[in-house]
Amino acid sequence: QLQASGGGLVQAGGSLRLSCAASGHTFRGLTVGWFRLAPGKEREFVASIRWSGGNTYYADSMKGRFTFSRDYAKNTVTLQMNSLKTEDTAVYYCAAGHVIATTTRDPRAYNYWGQGTQVTVSS
């Protein structure tokens, strides 16, 4: 089971940190990803990280603003989001799976999903 946390309301230009913890199992051998869903839009890939090795991959619009990291001791991943824009407003979901390529953006490649956490960026 995945537990996402850290969403909230922030002004444009601000920062938020999202976390995703795995309970009852570890992320070992998995790729962990973040996706987001905004009203009227399709689910969008945000970023991914391979638990073993820490390789990360970001959607183009997140590069330079978002940083994805992992904490072995806490069995947790963290998405640091800086320079937030109003278009980043969405429900963010963490997911994990035996994804062959970290660059996979297809949510169907992920087997496990957490509940969403709302991120709202005001102008």
N, C-alpha and C. Protein backbone atom coordinates (compact mmCIF):
# COMPACT_ATOMS: atom_id res chain seq x y z
N GLN A 1 0.84 -1.19 0.00
CA GLN A 1 0.00 0.00 0.00
C GLN A 1 0.88 1.24 0.00
N LEU A 2 0.50 2.20 -0.83
CA LEU A 2 1.26 3.44 -0.92
C LEU A 2 0.47 4.56 -0.28
N GLN A 3 1.18 5.39 0.45
CA GLN A 3 0.56 6.51 1.15
C GLN A 3 1.24 7.80 0.73
N ALA A 4 0.49 8.64 0.03
CA ALA A 4 1.02 9.92 -0.42
C ALA A 4 0.62 11.02 0.55
N SER A 5 1.50 12.00 0.70
CA SER A 5 1.22 13.11 1.59
C SER A 5 1.99 14.34 1.12
N GLY A 6 1.62 15.49 1.67
CA GLY A 6 2.39 16.70 1.42
C GLY A 6 1.74 17.71 0.52
N GLY A 7 0.58 17.42 -0.02
CA GLY A 7 -0.07 18.40 -0.87
C GLY A 7 -0.56 19.59 -0.08
N GLY A 8 -1.04 20.59 -0.78
CA GLY A 8 -1.55 21.77 -0.12
C GLY A 8 -1.74 22.91 -1.07
N LEU A 9 -1.91 24.09 -0.50
CA LEU A 9 -2.13 25.31 -1.26
C LEU A 9 -0.89 26.19 -1.16
N VAL A 10 -0.43 26.66 -2.30
CA VAL A 10 0.76 27.50 -2.33
C VAL A 10 0.61 28.54 -3.42
N GLN A 11 1.27 29.65 -3.27
CA GLN A 11 1.23 30.67 -4.31
C GLN A 11 2.21 30.32 -5.42
N ALA A 12 1.94 30.85 -6.58
CA ALA A 12 2.83 30.63 -7.71
C ALA A 12 4.24 31.08 -7.34
N GLY A 13 5.20 30.27 -7.72
CA GLY A 13 6.58 30.54 -7.36
C GLY A 13 7.03 29.85 -6.09
N GLY A 14 6.08 29.33 -5.35
CA GLY A 14 6.38 28.67 -4.10
C GLY A 14 6.79 27.21 -4.29
N SER A 15 6.92 26.52 -3.16
CA SER A 15 7.39 25.14 -3.16
C SER A 15 6.51 24.25 -2.31
N LEU A 16 6.48 23.00 -2.68
CA LEU A 16 5.82 21.97 -1.89
C LEU A 16 6.65 20.70 -1.99
N ARG A 17 6.52 19.87 -0.98
CA ARG A 17 7.22 18.59 -1.00
C ARG A 17 6.20 17.47 -0.81
N LEU A 18 6.17 16.57 -1.76
CA LEU A 18 5.28 15.41 -1.67
C LEU A 18 6.09 14.19 -1.27
N SER A 19 5.49 13.37 -0.45
CA SER A 19 6.14 12.14 -0.04
C SER A 19 5.23 10.95 -0.33
N CYS A 20 5.86 9.81 -0.54
CA CYS A 20 5.11 8.58 -0.76
C CYS A 20 5.82 7.48 0.01
N ALA A 21 5.09 6.85 0.89
CA ALA A 21 5.65 5.78 1.71
C ALA A 21 4.98 4.47 1.37
N ALA A 22 5.76 3.41 1.44
CA ALA A 22 5.23 2.07 1.20
C ALA A 22 5.05 1.38 2.54
N SER A 23 3.88 0.87 2.77
CA SER A 23 3.63 0.14 4.00
C SER A 23 3.40 -1.33 3.68
N GLY A 24 4.01 -2.18 4.48
CA GLY A 24 3.82 -3.60 4.28
C GLY A 24 4.74 -4.22 3.26
N HIS A 25 5.49 -3.38 2.57
CA HIS A 25 6.44 -3.89 1.59
C HIS A 25 7.48 -2.81 1.35
N THR A 26 8.45 -3.11 0.53
CA THR A 26 9.47 -2.12 0.21
C THR A 26 9.39 -1.77 -1.26
N PHE A 27 10.13 -0.73 -1.64
CA PHE A 27 10.21 -0.34 -3.03
C PHE A 27 11.33 -1.09 -3.76
N ARG A 28 11.98 -2.00 -3.08
CA ARG A 28 13.12 -2.69 -3.68
C ARG A 28 12.71 -3.37 -4.99
N GLY A 29 13.52 -3.11 -6.00
CA GLY A 29 13.26 -3.72 -7.30
C GLY A 29 12.20 -3.02 -8.13
N LEU A 30 11.67 -1.95 -7.62
CA LEU A 30 10.58 -1.26 -8.30
C LEU A 30 11.01 0.11 -8.83
N THR A 31 10.24 0.60 -9.74
CA THR A 31 10.32 1.99 -10.16
C THR A 31 9.13 2.71 -9.55
N VAL A 32 9.38 3.86 -8.98
CA VAL A 32 8.32 4.65 -8.37
C VAL A 32 8.10 5.89 -9.22
N GLY A 33 6.85 6.19 -9.44
CA GLY A 33 6.53 7.34 -10.28
C GLY A 33 5.50 8.25 -9.65
N TRP A 34 5.46 9.47 -10.15
CA TRP A 34 4.40 10.41 -9.78
C TRP A 34 3.64 10.76 -11.06
N PHE A 35 2.34 10.76 -10.92
CA PHE A 35 1.46 11.20 -11.98
C PHE A 35 0.54 12.26 -11.41
N ARG A 36 -0.08 13.02 -12.29
CA ARG A 36 -1.03 14.01 -11.80
C ARG A 36 -2.24 14.07 -12.71
N LEU A 37 -3.33 14.48 -12.11
CA LEU A 37 -4.60 14.56 -12.84
C LEU A 37 -5.25 15.89 -12.52
N ALA A 38 -5.38 16.69 -13.56
CA ALA A 38 -6.03 17.99 -13.42
C ALA A 38 -7.42 17.92 -14.04
N PRO A 39 -8.34 18.74 -13.57
CA PRO A 39 -9.71 18.73 -14.11
C PRO A 39 -9.72 18.94 -15.62
N GLY A 40 -10.42 18.07 -16.30
CA GLY A 40 -10.55 18.21 -17.74
C GLY A 40 -9.35 17.73 -18.54
N LYS A 41 -8.37 17.17 -17.85
CA LYS A 41 -7.17 16.71 -18.55
C LYS A 41 -6.93 15.23 -18.29
N GLU A 42 -6.09 14.63 -19.10
CA GLU A 42 -5.73 13.24 -18.90
C GLU A 42 -4.64 13.14 -17.84
N ARG A 43 -4.54 11.96 -17.29
CA ARG A 43 -3.49 11.71 -16.31
C ARG A 43 -2.13 11.93 -16.96
N GLU A 44 -1.28 12.63 -16.27
CA GLU A 44 0.00 13.06 -16.85
C GLU A 44 1.16 12.54 -16.02
N PHE A 45 2.16 12.04 -16.71
CA PHE A 45 3.38 11.61 -16.06
C PHE A 45 4.14 12.82 -15.55
N VAL A 46 4.69 12.70 -14.34
CA VAL A 46 5.46 13.78 -13.73
C VAL A 46 6.94 13.41 -13.65
N ALA A 47 7.22 12.31 -12.98
CA ALA A 47 8.62 11.92 -12.77
C ALA A 47 8.66 10.48 -12.30
N SER A 48 9.82 9.87 -12.42
CA SER A 48 10.00 8.50 -11.93
C SER A 48 11.41 8.35 -11.36
N ILE A 49 11.55 7.35 -10.53
CA ILE A 49 12.85 7.03 -9.96
C ILE A 49 12.96 5.53 -9.80
N ARG A 50 14.11 5.01 -10.16
CA ARG A 50 14.34 3.58 -9.95
C ARG A 50 14.92 3.42 -8.55
N TRP A 51 14.28 2.61 -7.75
CA TRP A 51 14.68 2.47 -6.36
C TRP A 51 16.12 2.02 -6.24
N SER A 52 16.49 1.03 -7.03
CA SER A 52 17.87 0.54 -7.02
C SER A 52 18.66 1.36 -8.03
N GLY A 53 19.55 2.17 -7.53
CA GLY A 53 20.37 2.99 -8.40
C GLY A 53 19.99 4.44 -8.41
N GLY A 54 18.71 4.72 -8.20
CA GLY A 54 18.28 6.11 -8.07
C GLY A 54 18.15 6.88 -9.36
N ASN A 55 18.16 6.19 -10.49
CA ASN A 55 18.00 6.91 -11.76
C ASN A 55 16.65 7.60 -11.81
N THR A 56 16.66 8.84 -12.23
CA THR A 56 15.43 9.62 -12.29
C THR A 56 15.12 10.04 -13.71
N TYR A 57 13.86 10.34 -13.92
CA TYR A 57 13.40 10.79 -15.22
C TYR A 57 12.25 11.74 -14.99
N TYR A 58 12.26 12.86 -15.72
CA TYR A 58 11.25 13.89 -15.52
C TYR A 58 10.56 14.23 -16.83
N ALA A 59 9.31 14.58 -16.70
CA ALA A 59 8.62 15.16 -17.84
C ALA A 59 9.28 16.51 -18.13
N ASP A 60 9.27 16.91 -19.37
CA ASP A 60 10.00 18.11 -19.78
C ASP A 60 9.61 19.34 -18.98
N SER A 61 8.33 19.49 -18.71
CA SER A 61 7.88 20.71 -18.02
C SER A 61 8.27 20.74 -16.55
N MET A 62 8.77 19.63 -16.02
CA MET A 62 9.18 19.57 -14.63
C MET A 62 10.69 19.66 -14.46
N LYS A 63 11.42 19.47 -15.52
CA LYS A 63 12.88 19.50 -15.43
C LYS A 63 13.36 20.85 -14.90
N GLY A 64 14.26 20.78 -13.94
CA GLY A 64 14.81 21.99 -13.35
C GLY A 64 13.97 22.57 -12.22
N ARG A 65 12.74 22.11 -12.09
CA ARG A 65 11.87 22.61 -11.03
C ARG A 65 11.58 21.53 -9.98
N PHE A 66 11.47 20.28 -10.43
CA PHE A 66 11.13 19.19 -9.52
C PHE A 66 12.35 18.30 -9.32
N THR A 67 12.47 17.77 -8.11
CA THR A 67 13.54 16.84 -7.80
C THR A 67 12.96 15.64 -7.08
N PHE A 68 13.28 14.47 -7.60
CA PHE A 68 12.75 13.22 -7.06
C PHE A 68 13.88 12.49 -6.36
N SER A 69 13.64 12.09 -5.12
CA SER A 69 14.69 11.42 -4.37
C SER A 69 14.08 10.28 -3.55
N ARG A 70 14.95 9.45 -3.03
CA ARG A 70 14.49 8.31 -2.24
C ARG A 70 15.24 8.24 -0.94
N ASP A 71 14.63 7.66 0.05
CA ASP A 71 15.24 7.48 1.37
C ASP A 71 15.13 6.01 1.73
N TYR A 72 16.25 5.32 1.67
CA TYR A 72 16.24 3.88 1.96
C TYR A 72 15.75 3.60 3.38
N ALA A 73 16.26 4.35 4.33
CA ALA A 73 15.95 4.08 5.73
C ALA A 73 14.47 4.22 6.02
N LYS A 74 13.84 5.20 5.37
CA LYS A 74 12.42 5.46 5.65
C LYS A 74 11.51 4.75 4.64
N ASN A 75 12.10 4.11 3.63
CA ASN A 75 11.31 3.46 2.59
C ASN A 75 10.32 4.45 1.99
N THR A 76 10.85 5.61 1.67
CA THR A 76 10.01 6.72 1.23
C THR A 76 10.65 7.41 0.03
N VAL A 77 9.80 7.92 -0.84
CA VAL A 77 10.29 8.78 -1.91
C VAL A 77 9.72 10.17 -1.71
N THR A 78 10.45 11.15 -2.19
CA THR A 78 10.05 12.54 -2.01
C THR A 78 10.16 13.30 -3.32
N LEU A 79 9.13 14.05 -3.62
CA LEU A 79 9.15 14.90 -4.81
C LEU A 79 9.17 16.35 -4.33
N GLN A 80 10.30 17.00 -4.48
CA GLN A 80 10.44 18.41 -4.14
C GLN A 80 10.03 19.23 -5.35
N MET A 81 9.03 20.07 -5.17
CA MET A 81 8.51 20.86 -6.27
C MET A 81 8.77 22.33 -5.99
N ASN A 82 9.57 22.95 -6.81
CA ASN A 82 9.91 24.36 -6.67
C ASN A 82 9.37 25.15 -7.86
N SER A 83 9.34 26.45 -7.70
CA SER A 83 8.89 27.35 -8.78
C SER A 83 7.56 26.88 -9.35
N LEU A 84 6.65 26.61 -8.46
CA LEU A 84 5.36 26.07 -8.89
C LEU A 84 4.57 27.09 -9.69
N LYS A 85 3.84 26.56 -10.65
CA LYS A 85 3.02 27.38 -11.54
C LYS A 85 1.55 27.00 -11.35
N THR A 86 0.67 27.89 -11.77
CA THR A 86 -0.76 27.58 -11.61
C THR A 86 -1.13 26.32 -12.38
N GLU A 87 -0.45 26.06 -13.48
CA GLU A 87 -0.76 24.87 -14.26
C GLU A 87 -0.27 23.58 -13.61
N ASP A 88 0.42 23.69 -12.50
CA ASP A 88 0.80 22.49 -11.75
C ASP A 88 -0.32 22.02 -10.83
N THR A 89 -1.38 22.79 -10.76
CA THR A 89 -2.52 22.42 -9.93
C THR A 89 -3.13 21.12 -10.41
N ALA A 90 -3.21 20.15 -9.52
CA ALA A 90 -3.73 18.82 -9.88
C ALA A 90 -3.73 17.95 -8.63
N VAL A 91 -4.33 16.79 -8.79
CA VAL A 91 -4.19 15.74 -7.78
C VAL A 91 -2.99 14.89 -8.19
N TYR A 92 -2.07 14.73 -7.28
CA TYR A 92 -0.84 13.99 -7.56
C TYR A 92 -0.92 12.60 -6.95
N TYR A 93 -0.52 11.62 -7.74
CA TYR A 93 -0.58 10.23 -7.32
C TYR A 93 0.82 9.61 -7.41
N CYS A 94 1.18 8.85 -6.39
CA CYS A 94 2.39 8.06 -6.50
C CYS A 94 2.02 6.65 -6.92
N ALA A 95 2.92 6.02 -7.61
CA ALA A 95 2.68 4.69 -8.13
C ALA A 95 4.00 3.93 -8.15
N ALA A 96 3.92 2.62 -8.14
CA ALA A 96 5.12 1.80 -8.18
C ALA A 96 4.85 0.56 -9.02
N GLY A 97 5.91 0.05 -9.61
CA GLY A 97 5.74 -1.14 -10.42
C GLY A 97 7.05 -1.66 -10.94
N HIS A 98 6.98 -2.83 -11.52
CA HIS A 98 8.16 -3.43 -12.15
C HIS A 98 8.27 -2.87 -13.56
N VAL A 99 8.61 -1.61 -13.62
CA VAL A 99 8.69 -0.89 -14.88
C VAL A 99 10.07 -1.14 -15.49
N ILE A 100 10.07 -1.61 -16.71
CA ILE A 100 11.33 -1.98 -17.35
C ILE A 100 12.22 -0.75 -17.56
N ALA A 101 11.65 0.29 -18.09
CA ALA A 101 12.41 1.50 -18.38
C ALA A 101 11.90 2.65 -17.54
N THR A 102 12.79 3.32 -16.87
CA THR A 102 12.40 4.47 -16.03
C THR A 102 11.73 5.54 -16.87
N THR A 103 12.03 5.57 -18.17
CA THR A 103 11.47 6.58 -19.04
C THR A 103 10.04 6.27 -19.46
N THR A 104 9.51 5.18 -18.97
CA THR A 104 8.13 4.83 -19.30
C THR A 104 7.17 5.82 -18.67
N ARG A 105 6.34 6.42 -19.51
CA ARG A 105 5.36 7.39 -19.03
C ARG A 105 3.96 6.78 -18.91
N ASP A 106 3.82 5.56 -19.34
CA ASP A 106 2.52 4.91 -19.39
C ASP A 106 2.09 4.48 -17.99
N PRO A 107 1.01 5.03 -17.47
CA PRO A 107 0.57 4.65 -16.12
C PRO A 107 0.19 3.18 -16.02
N ARG A 108 -0.14 2.55 -17.13
CA ARG A 108 -0.51 1.14 -17.10
C ARG A 108 0.68 0.25 -16.74
N ALA A 109 1.88 0.78 -16.80
CA ALA A 109 3.07 0.01 -16.43
C ALA A 109 3.23 -0.09 -14.93
N TYR A 110 2.47 0.70 -14.20
CA TYR A 110 2.60 0.73 -12.75
C TYR A 110 1.49 -0.11 -12.12
N ASN A 111 1.88 -0.95 -11.16
CA ASN A 111 0.94 -1.90 -10.58
C ASN A 111 0.26 -1.40 -9.31
N TYR A 112 0.98 -0.56 -8.59
CA TYR A 112 0.49 -0.14 -7.27
C TYR A 112 0.31 1.37 -7.26
N TRP A 113 -0.79 1.80 -6.68
CA TRP A 113 -1.13 3.22 -6.66
C TRP A 113 -1.53 3.66 -5.27
N GLY A 114 -1.12 4.86 -4.93
CA GLY A 114 -1.55 5.44 -3.68
C GLY A 114 -2.76 6.33 -3.90
N GLN A 115 -3.30 6.83 -2.83
CA GLN A 115 -4.40 7.79 -2.96
C GLN A 115 -3.79 9.13 -3.39
N GLY A 116 -4.53 9.95 -3.99
CA GLY A 116 -4.01 11.22 -4.47
C GLY A 116 -3.87 12.25 -3.38
N THR A 117 -3.04 13.22 -3.65
CA THR A 117 -2.90 14.36 -2.75
C THR A 117 -3.03 15.63 -3.59
N GLN A 118 -3.86 16.54 -3.13
CA GLN A 118 -4.18 17.73 -3.90
C GLN A 118 -3.08 18.77 -3.79
N VAL A 119 -2.67 19.29 -4.93
CA VAL A 119 -1.75 20.41 -4.99
C VAL A 119 -2.47 21.55 -5.71
N THR A 120 -2.57 22.67 -5.04
CA THR A 120 -3.24 23.83 -5.62
C THR A 120 -2.27 25.01 -5.60
N VAL A 121 -2.04 25.56 -6.78
CA VAL A 121 -1.13 26.70 -6.91
C VAL A 121 -1.96 27.90 -7.33
N SER A 122 -1.95 28.91 -6.49
CA SER A 122 -2.75 30.11 -6.77
C SER A 122 -1.88 31.19 -7.41
N SER A 123 -2.54 32.05 -8.16
CA SER A 123 -1.80 33.11 -8.86
C SER A 123 -1.63 34.34 -7.99
